[in-house]
């Protein structure tokens, strides 16, 4: 491309409002006035130009060379890819919001923009109205300030545990309690549904043996509250035998076990929201919590590392291509001859 007409052969000066590329392909010219009509600011300087919105955010920037202002799409994609992504339809935006257990749109866009998962199209998902189920299910009081420094750099080095319950309504399988276990490094979460507190001891020992063998990493510290289900002598003897340090929070100070307490709230809020939206009976709360845990492990970003808990723990991207909305209609199939 050149700004010197003398270098062109068979040049005929015309203005059609289009750019002709060859093979009879044309494209409309985006004029200065069209940007202004869209409430955008366009400014040309000696060596650069930029297009901003009313909030002062640069949407497009370019440079000047050979008396021609140019735009590099590669530079724009590297610095601010989301502004050039196609917008998802309203239906698709809200479909993925519900598929991901009513995850906020900022997190969904971060997953799409950074390519942190498979199966999610690279689109810009927009929230055009308030989700009534989220408004009912996620109302909370103000939170405490988070820890300013991340002191743990190894998976399974520290596990947070808490027991929720009893629930007012038994699950469809007769469960009343939720044992929540959170890895401090990755924030990967495991949930186990129990009929009574007495089942806590056996499950914790089995879980610790299983997870250390599966991930080939030792557990070094466990942090819980002062509940009797975590402080019995049998469990303390096991910790001493395998070299695990058990830390407990001060009575009536849930902030000291804040990682798992916040996880509890996130899971319960998501499950409550999913049940409200699906208009499902309350005895399906365990299924909703399990679904929320599964999706959040693969969608919520660990901001200190810029990755999902699943990727931090397993070292590979999670796949979202098979996700469906909780409560969606489905049919069992029978492939056998009988």
Protein backbone atom coordinates (compact mmCIF):
# COMPACT_ATOMS: atom_id res chain seq x y z
CA UNK A 1 0.00 0.00 0.00
CA UNK A 2 1.32 3.46 -0.86
CA UNK A 3 0.25 7.06 -0.58
CA UNK A 4 2.06 8.06 -3.81
CA UNK A 5 -0.39 7.89 -6.76
CA UNK A 6 2.46 8.24 -9.32
CA UNK A 7 3.60 4.70 -8.49
CA UNK A 8 0.27 3.22 -9.58
CA UNK A 9 -0.49 2.01 -13.15
CA UNK A 10 -3.86 2.69 -14.83
CA UNK A 11 -4.96 4.68 -11.81
CA UNK A 12 -8.45 6.21 -12.06
CA UNK A 13 -9.48 8.53 -9.24
CA UNK A 14 -12.92 7.60 -7.90
CA UNK A 15 -14.60 7.53 -4.53
CA UNK A 16 -17.09 4.75 -4.04
CA UNK A 17 -16.97 4.54 -0.24
CA UNK A 18 -15.35 1.12 -0.53
CA UNK A 19 -11.91 -0.50 -0.64
CA UNK A 20 -11.28 -2.93 -3.51
CA UNK A 21 -8.90 -5.80 -2.74
CA UNK A 22 -8.93 -7.81 -5.99
CA UNK A 23 -11.01 -10.63 -7.42
CA UNK A 24 -13.92 -8.19 -7.21
CA UNK A 25 -13.92 -8.32 -3.37
CA UNK A 26 -14.82 -5.05 -1.68
CA UNK A 27 -15.25 -3.77 1.88
CA UNK A 28 -16.98 -0.69 3.24
CA UNK A 29 -14.85 2.14 4.57
CA UNK A 30 -15.29 2.88 8.29
CA UNK A 31 -15.40 6.66 8.40
CA UNK A 32 -14.47 9.14 11.13
CA UNK A 33 -18.08 10.20 11.48
CA UNK A 34 -19.30 6.66 12.12
CA UNK A 35 -17.04 6.42 15.17
CA UNK A 36 -18.31 9.78 16.45
CA UNK A 37 -21.92 8.69 15.92
CA UNK A 38 -21.18 5.75 18.21
CA UNK A 39 -20.04 8.10 21.04
CA UNK A 40 -16.36 7.31 20.46
CA UNK A 41 -13.47 9.78 20.55
CA UNK A 42 -11.07 9.69 17.57
CA UNK A 43 -7.74 11.54 17.89
CA UNK A 44 -4.90 11.74 15.36
CA UNK A 45 -1.39 12.75 16.50
CA UNK A 46 1.86 13.18 14.59
CA UNK A 47 2.99 9.57 14.98
CA UNK A 48 -0.06 7.78 16.38
CA UNK A 49 -3.83 7.78 16.70
CA UNK A 50 -6.35 6.21 19.04
CA UNK A 51 -10.07 5.58 19.42
CA UNK A 52 -11.53 5.80 22.93
CA UNK A 53 -14.91 5.28 24.53
CA UNK A 54 -16.58 7.79 26.86
CA UNK A 55 -14.81 6.23 29.86
CA UNK A 56 -11.40 7.00 28.37
CA UNK A 57 -10.56 3.37 27.58
CA UNK A 58 -8.46 2.88 24.43
CA UNK A 59 -10.32 0.55 22.07
CA UNK A 60 -8.05 0.88 19.04
CA UNK A 61 -4.58 2.38 18.64
CA UNK A 62 -2.38 2.70 15.58
CA UNK A 63 0.79 4.31 14.27
CA UNK A 64 1.80 6.50 11.33
CA UNK A 65 4.36 5.58 8.71
CA UNK A 66 4.96 6.73 5.11
CA UNK A 67 2.21 9.35 5.53
CA UNK A 68 -0.27 6.55 6.28
CA UNK A 69 -2.02 5.68 9.55
CA UNK A 70 -2.09 1.91 10.08
CA UNK A 71 -3.61 -0.51 12.58
CA UNK A 72 -1.95 -3.75 13.71
CA UNK A 73 -4.59 -6.28 14.73
CA UNK A 74 -1.93 -8.55 16.26
CA UNK A 75 -0.83 -5.79 18.65
CA UNK A 76 -4.44 -5.10 19.58
CA UNK A 77 -5.15 -8.77 20.22
CA UNK A 78 -2.11 -9.01 22.49
CA UNK A 79 -2.99 -5.93 24.55
CA UNK A 80 -6.80 -6.01 24.69
CA UNK A 81 -8.27 -9.04 22.97
CA UNK A 82 -11.76 -8.79 24.39
CA UNK A 83 -12.66 -5.61 22.47
CA UNK A 84 -12.21 -7.44 19.15
CA UNK A 85 -14.11 -10.58 20.09
CA UNK A 86 -17.52 -11.15 18.56
CA UNK A 87 -20.39 -10.71 20.97
CA UNK A 88 -22.26 -13.80 22.03
CA UNK A 89 -26.00 -13.70 21.60
CA UNK A 90 -28.12 -13.03 24.67
CA UNK A 91 -29.33 -16.63 24.60
CA UNK A 92 -25.81 -18.06 24.47
CA UNK A 93 -24.52 -15.66 27.16
CA UNK A 94 -27.17 -16.68 29.65
CA UNK A 95 -26.90 -20.35 28.66
CA UNK A 96 -23.21 -20.43 29.68
CA UNK A 97 -23.98 -18.41 32.81
CA UNK A 98 -26.38 -21.19 33.87
CA UNK A 99 -24.16 -24.03 32.64
CA UNK A 100 -21.33 -22.75 34.86
CA UNK A 101 -23.50 -22.73 37.99
CA UNK A 102 -24.43 -19.05 37.57
CA UNK A 103 -20.79 -17.91 37.37
CA UNK A 104 -20.33 -14.14 37.02
CA UNK A 105 -19.82 -12.82 33.48
CA UNK A 106 -16.40 -11.34 34.23
CA UNK A 107 -15.06 -14.80 35.07
CA UNK A 108 -16.69 -16.34 31.97
CA UNK A 109 -15.10 -13.70 29.72
CA UNK A 110 -11.72 -14.28 31.40
CA UNK A 111 -11.97 -18.00 30.64
CA UNK A 112 -12.81 -17.30 26.99
CA UNK A 113 -10.30 -14.49 26.51
CA UNK A 114 -7.31 -16.31 28.00
CA UNK A 115 -8.12 -19.75 26.54
CA UNK A 116 -8.04 -21.37 29.99
CA UNK A 117 -10.60 -24.08 29.11
CA UNK A 118 -11.65 -26.15 26.12
CA UNK A 119 -15.19 -26.22 24.74
CA UNK A 120 -15.98 -22.54 25.43
CA UNK A 121 -16.18 -20.37 22.31
CA UNK A 122 -14.05 -17.22 22.20
CA UNK A 123 -16.92 -14.76 22.40
CA UNK A 124 -17.69 -11.73 24.52
CA UNK A 125 -20.46 -12.70 26.94
CA UNK A 126 -22.57 -9.77 28.09
CA UNK A 127 -24.97 -9.35 30.99
CA UNK A 128 -27.95 -7.34 29.77
CA UNK A 129 -30.09 -7.69 32.91
CA UNK A 130 -29.98 -8.87 36.52
CA UNK A 131 -30.31 -12.62 37.04
CA UNK A 132 -33.21 -12.95 39.48
CA UNK A 133 -31.96 -16.31 40.75
CA UNK A 134 -28.51 -14.81 41.49
CA UNK A 135 -30.08 -11.83 43.27
CA UNK A 136 -32.03 -14.18 45.54
CA UNK A 137 -29.32 -16.77 46.05
CA UNK A 138 -26.16 -14.66 46.50
CA UNK A 139 -27.15 -11.83 48.85
CA UNK A 140 -24.53 -11.61 51.66
CA UNK A 141 -23.04 -9.21 54.18
CA UNK A 142 -19.66 -7.51 53.66
CA UNK A 143 -16.59 -9.76 53.73
CA UNK A 144 -13.37 -9.48 55.74
CA UNK A 145 -10.15 -8.33 54.08
CA UNK A 146 -8.27 -11.19 52.35
CA UNK A 147 -4.74 -12.24 53.23
CA UNK A 148 -2.35 -9.87 51.43
CA UNK A 149 0.42 -12.39 50.77
CA UNK A 150 0.30 -15.91 49.37
CA UNK A 151 2.64 -18.03 51.52
CA UNK A 152 1.91 -21.44 50.00
CA UNK A 153 3.50 -22.48 46.70
CA UNK A 154 2.89 -26.24 46.64
CA UNK A 155 -0.26 -28.29 46.07
CA UNK A 156 -1.53 -30.36 49.03
CA UNK A 157 0.93 -28.60 51.35
CA UNK A 158 -2.03 -27.18 53.30
CA UNK A 159 -5.62 -28.46 53.28
CA UNK A 160 -8.55 -26.56 54.80
CA UNK A 161 -11.48 -28.61 56.12
CA UNK A 162 -14.92 -27.76 57.45
CA UNK A 163 -18.17 -29.61 58.16
CA UNK A 164 -21.44 -27.91 57.19
CA UNK A 165 -24.75 -28.96 58.63
CA UNK A 166 -27.05 -30.39 59.61
CA UNK A 167 -29.19 -29.26 56.69
CA UNK A 168 -32.86 -28.63 57.32
CA UNK A 169 -33.81 -30.99 54.51
CA UNK A 170 -32.20 -34.39 53.98
CA UNK A 171 -30.81 -35.08 50.53
CA UNK A 172 -32.47 -37.66 48.29
CA UNK A 173 -29.96 -40.19 49.72
CA UNK A 174 -30.57 -39.25 53.35
CA UNK A 175 -27.45 -37.06 53.80
CA UNK A 176 -27.45 -34.10 56.20
CA UNK A 177 -23.83 -32.88 56.32
CA UNK A 178 -21.23 -31.65 53.82
CA UNK A 179 -17.52 -32.16 54.47
CA UNK A 180 -15.64 -29.56 52.42
CA UNK A 181 -11.89 -29.90 51.76
CA UNK A 182 -9.93 -27.14 49.97
CA UNK A 183 -6.34 -27.21 48.73
CA UNK A 184 -4.77 -23.90 49.77
CA UNK A 185 -2.46 -23.61 46.74
CA UNK A 186 -4.85 -24.40 43.89
CA UNK A 187 -8.20 -23.83 45.69
CA UNK A 188 -9.34 -27.17 44.24
CA UNK A 189 -12.29 -28.36 46.32
CA UNK A 190 -13.64 -31.77 47.28
CA UNK A 191 -17.06 -32.36 48.89
CA UNK A 192 -18.36 -35.44 50.68
CA UNK A 193 -21.94 -35.83 51.87
CA UNK A 194 -22.44 -37.56 55.23
CA UNK A 195 -25.39 -38.87 57.18
CA UNK A 196 -23.84 -38.00 60.55
CA UNK A 197 -20.71 -36.41 62.04
CA UNK A 198 -19.46 -39.85 63.05
CA UNK A 199 -18.60 -40.62 59.41
CA UNK A 200 -16.10 -37.74 59.27
CA UNK A 201 -13.19 -39.61 60.87
CA UNK A 202 -13.15 -42.60 58.51
CA UNK A 203 -13.58 -40.48 55.40
CA UNK A 204 -10.75 -38.05 56.25
CA UNK A 205 -8.27 -40.89 56.77
CA UNK A 206 -9.35 -42.62 53.54
CA UNK A 207 -9.24 -39.33 51.62
CA UNK A 208 -5.74 -38.42 52.82
CA UNK A 209 -4.40 -41.85 51.82
CA UNK A 210 -6.11 -41.70 48.42
CA UNK A 211 -5.16 -38.15 47.42
CA UNK A 212 -1.49 -38.53 48.37
CA UNK A 213 -1.16 -41.69 46.29
CA UNK A 214 -3.08 -40.23 43.35
CA UNK A 215 -1.16 -36.94 43.15
CA UNK A 216 2.14 -38.35 44.51
CA UNK A 217 2.49 -35.35 46.84
CA UNK A 218 2.43 -35.48 50.68
CA UNK A 219 -0.04 -33.51 52.79
CA UNK A 220 1.89 -31.53 55.41
CA UNK A 221 -0.65 -29.33 57.21
CA UNK A 222 -4.40 -29.42 57.87
CA UNK A 223 -6.38 -26.45 59.17
CA UNK A 224 -9.85 -26.84 60.74
CA UNK A 225 -12.05 -25.25 63.37
CA UNK A 226 -12.35 -26.65 66.89
CA UNK A 227 -15.17 -29.06 66.06
CA UNK A 228 -15.07 -32.37 67.92
CA UNK A 229 -15.23 -34.25 64.62
CA UNK A 230 -11.74 -32.90 63.78
CA UNK A 231 -10.15 -33.09 67.23
CA UNK A 232 -10.73 -36.69 68.34
CA UNK A 233 -7.77 -38.74 69.55
CA UNK A 234 -7.89 -41.32 66.76
CA UNK A 235 -7.42 -38.61 64.14
CA UNK A 236 -4.64 -36.94 66.14
CA UNK A 237 -2.80 -40.26 66.43
CA UNK A 238 -3.04 -40.72 62.65
CA UNK A 239 -1.66 -37.22 62.03
CA UNK A 240 1.32 -37.92 64.29
CA UNK A 241 1.94 -41.26 62.59
CA UNK A 242 2.13 -39.79 59.07
CA UNK A 243 3.73 -36.46 60.04
CA UNK A 244 0.82 -34.08 59.39
CA UNK A 245 0.54 -30.89 61.44
CA UNK A 246 -3.02 -30.09 62.58
CA UNK A 247 -3.89 -26.39 63.07
CA UNK A 248 -7.14 -25.18 64.62
CA UNK A 249 -8.77 -21.75 64.63
CA UNK A 250 -9.73 -19.85 67.76
CA UNK A 251 -13.28 -20.47 69.00
CA UNK A 252 -15.92 -18.25 67.38
CA UNK A 253 -13.36 -16.92 64.85
CA UNK A 254 -14.33 -18.41 61.46
CA UNK A 255 -12.14 -15.77 59.74
CA UNK A 256 -9.06 -17.80 60.75
CA UNK A 257 -10.37 -20.65 58.63
CA UNK A 258 -11.56 -18.23 55.98
CA UNK A 259 -10.50 -20.17 52.86
CA UNK A 260 -12.91 -23.03 53.43
CA UNK A 261 -15.57 -20.76 54.95
CA UNK A 262 -15.64 -18.66 51.77
CA UNK A 263 -15.72 -21.83 49.70
CA UNK A 264 -18.71 -23.06 51.72
CA UNK A 265 -20.55 -19.83 51.00
CA UNK A 266 -19.73 -19.94 47.29
CA UNK A 267 -20.93 -23.53 46.97
CA UNK A 268 -24.13 -22.96 48.95
CA UNK A 269 -24.95 -19.77 47.03
CA UNK A 270 -24.41 -21.46 43.68
CA UNK A 271 -26.45 -24.52 44.70
CA UNK A 272 -29.29 -22.37 46.05
CA UNK A 273 -29.29 -20.29 42.84
CA UNK A 274 -29.34 -23.40 40.64
CA UNK A 275 -32.24 -24.91 42.60
CA UNK A 276 -34.19 -21.64 42.34
CA UNK A 277 -33.65 -21.36 38.60
CA UNK A 278 -34.42 -25.03 37.91
CA UNK A 279 -37.40 -24.91 40.30
CA UNK A 280 -36.09 -28.19 41.69
CA UNK A 281 -37.13 -29.66 45.06
CA UNK A 282 -34.87 -28.94 48.04
CA UNK A 283 -33.97 -32.61 48.57
CA UNK A 284 -31.76 -32.30 45.47
CA UNK A 285 -29.43 -29.87 47.30
CA UNK A 286 -26.59 -32.43 47.41
CA UNK A 287 -26.71 -32.88 43.64
CA UNK A 288 -26.66 -29.09 43.21
CA UNK A 289 -23.66 -28.70 45.56
CA UNK A 290 -21.77 -31.51 43.78
CA UNK A 291 -22.46 -29.89 40.40
CA UNK A 292 -21.39 -26.46 41.66
CA UNK A 293 -18.16 -27.93 43.07
CA UNK A 294 -17.40 -29.70 39.78
CA UNK A 295 -17.97 -26.59 37.64
CA UNK A 296 -16.20 -24.15 39.98
CA UNK A 297 -13.07 -26.32 40.05
CA UNK A 298 -12.98 -25.89 36.27
CA UNK A 299 -14.11 -22.28 35.88
CA UNK A 300 -13.19 -20.03 38.81
CA UNK A 301 -9.79 -18.39 38.23
CA UNK A 302 -7.05 -18.53 40.87
CA UNK A 303 -6.00 -14.91 40.37
CA UNK A 304 -2.51 -15.27 41.84
CA UNK A 305 -1.67 -17.82 39.14
CA UNK A 306 -4.11 -16.93 36.34
CA UNK A 307 -5.31 -20.54 36.07
CA UNK A 308 -8.25 -22.68 37.15
CA UNK A 309 -7.95 -24.95 40.22
CA UNK A 310 -8.20 -27.98 37.93
CA UNK A 311 -5.21 -26.88 35.84
CA UNK A 312 -3.13 -26.04 38.92
CA UNK A 313 -3.79 -29.46 40.44
CA UNK A 314 -3.68 -31.68 37.34
CA UNK A 315 -1.47 -29.67 34.99
CA UNK A 316 -3.88 -29.61 32.03
CA UNK A 317 -6.76 -27.47 30.77
CA UNK A 318 -10.27 -28.46 31.87
CA UNK A 319 -12.85 -29.36 29.21
CA UNK A 320 -16.26 -27.64 29.35
CA UNK A 321 -17.66 -28.95 26.06
CA UNK A 322 -19.95 -31.50 27.74
CA UNK A 323 -21.55 -29.11 30.28
CA UNK A 324 -25.33 -28.76 30.49
CA UNK A 325 -27.54 -26.51 32.58
CA UNK A 326 -28.40 -27.98 35.99
CA UNK A 327 -31.98 -29.26 35.83
CA UNK A 328 -32.00 -29.58 32.04
CA UNK A 329 -34.36 -32.21 30.63
CA UNK A 330 -32.57 -35.45 29.75
CA UNK A 331 -33.49 -39.00 28.75
CA UNK A 332 -31.75 -42.24 29.75
CA UNK A 333 -30.73 -44.46 26.84
CA UNK A 334 -30.66 -48.23 26.75
CA UNK A 335 -28.17 -49.58 24.22
CA UNK A 336 -28.39 -53.21 25.32
CA UNK A 337 -30.57 -55.74 23.53
CA UNK A 338 -32.59 -56.41 26.67
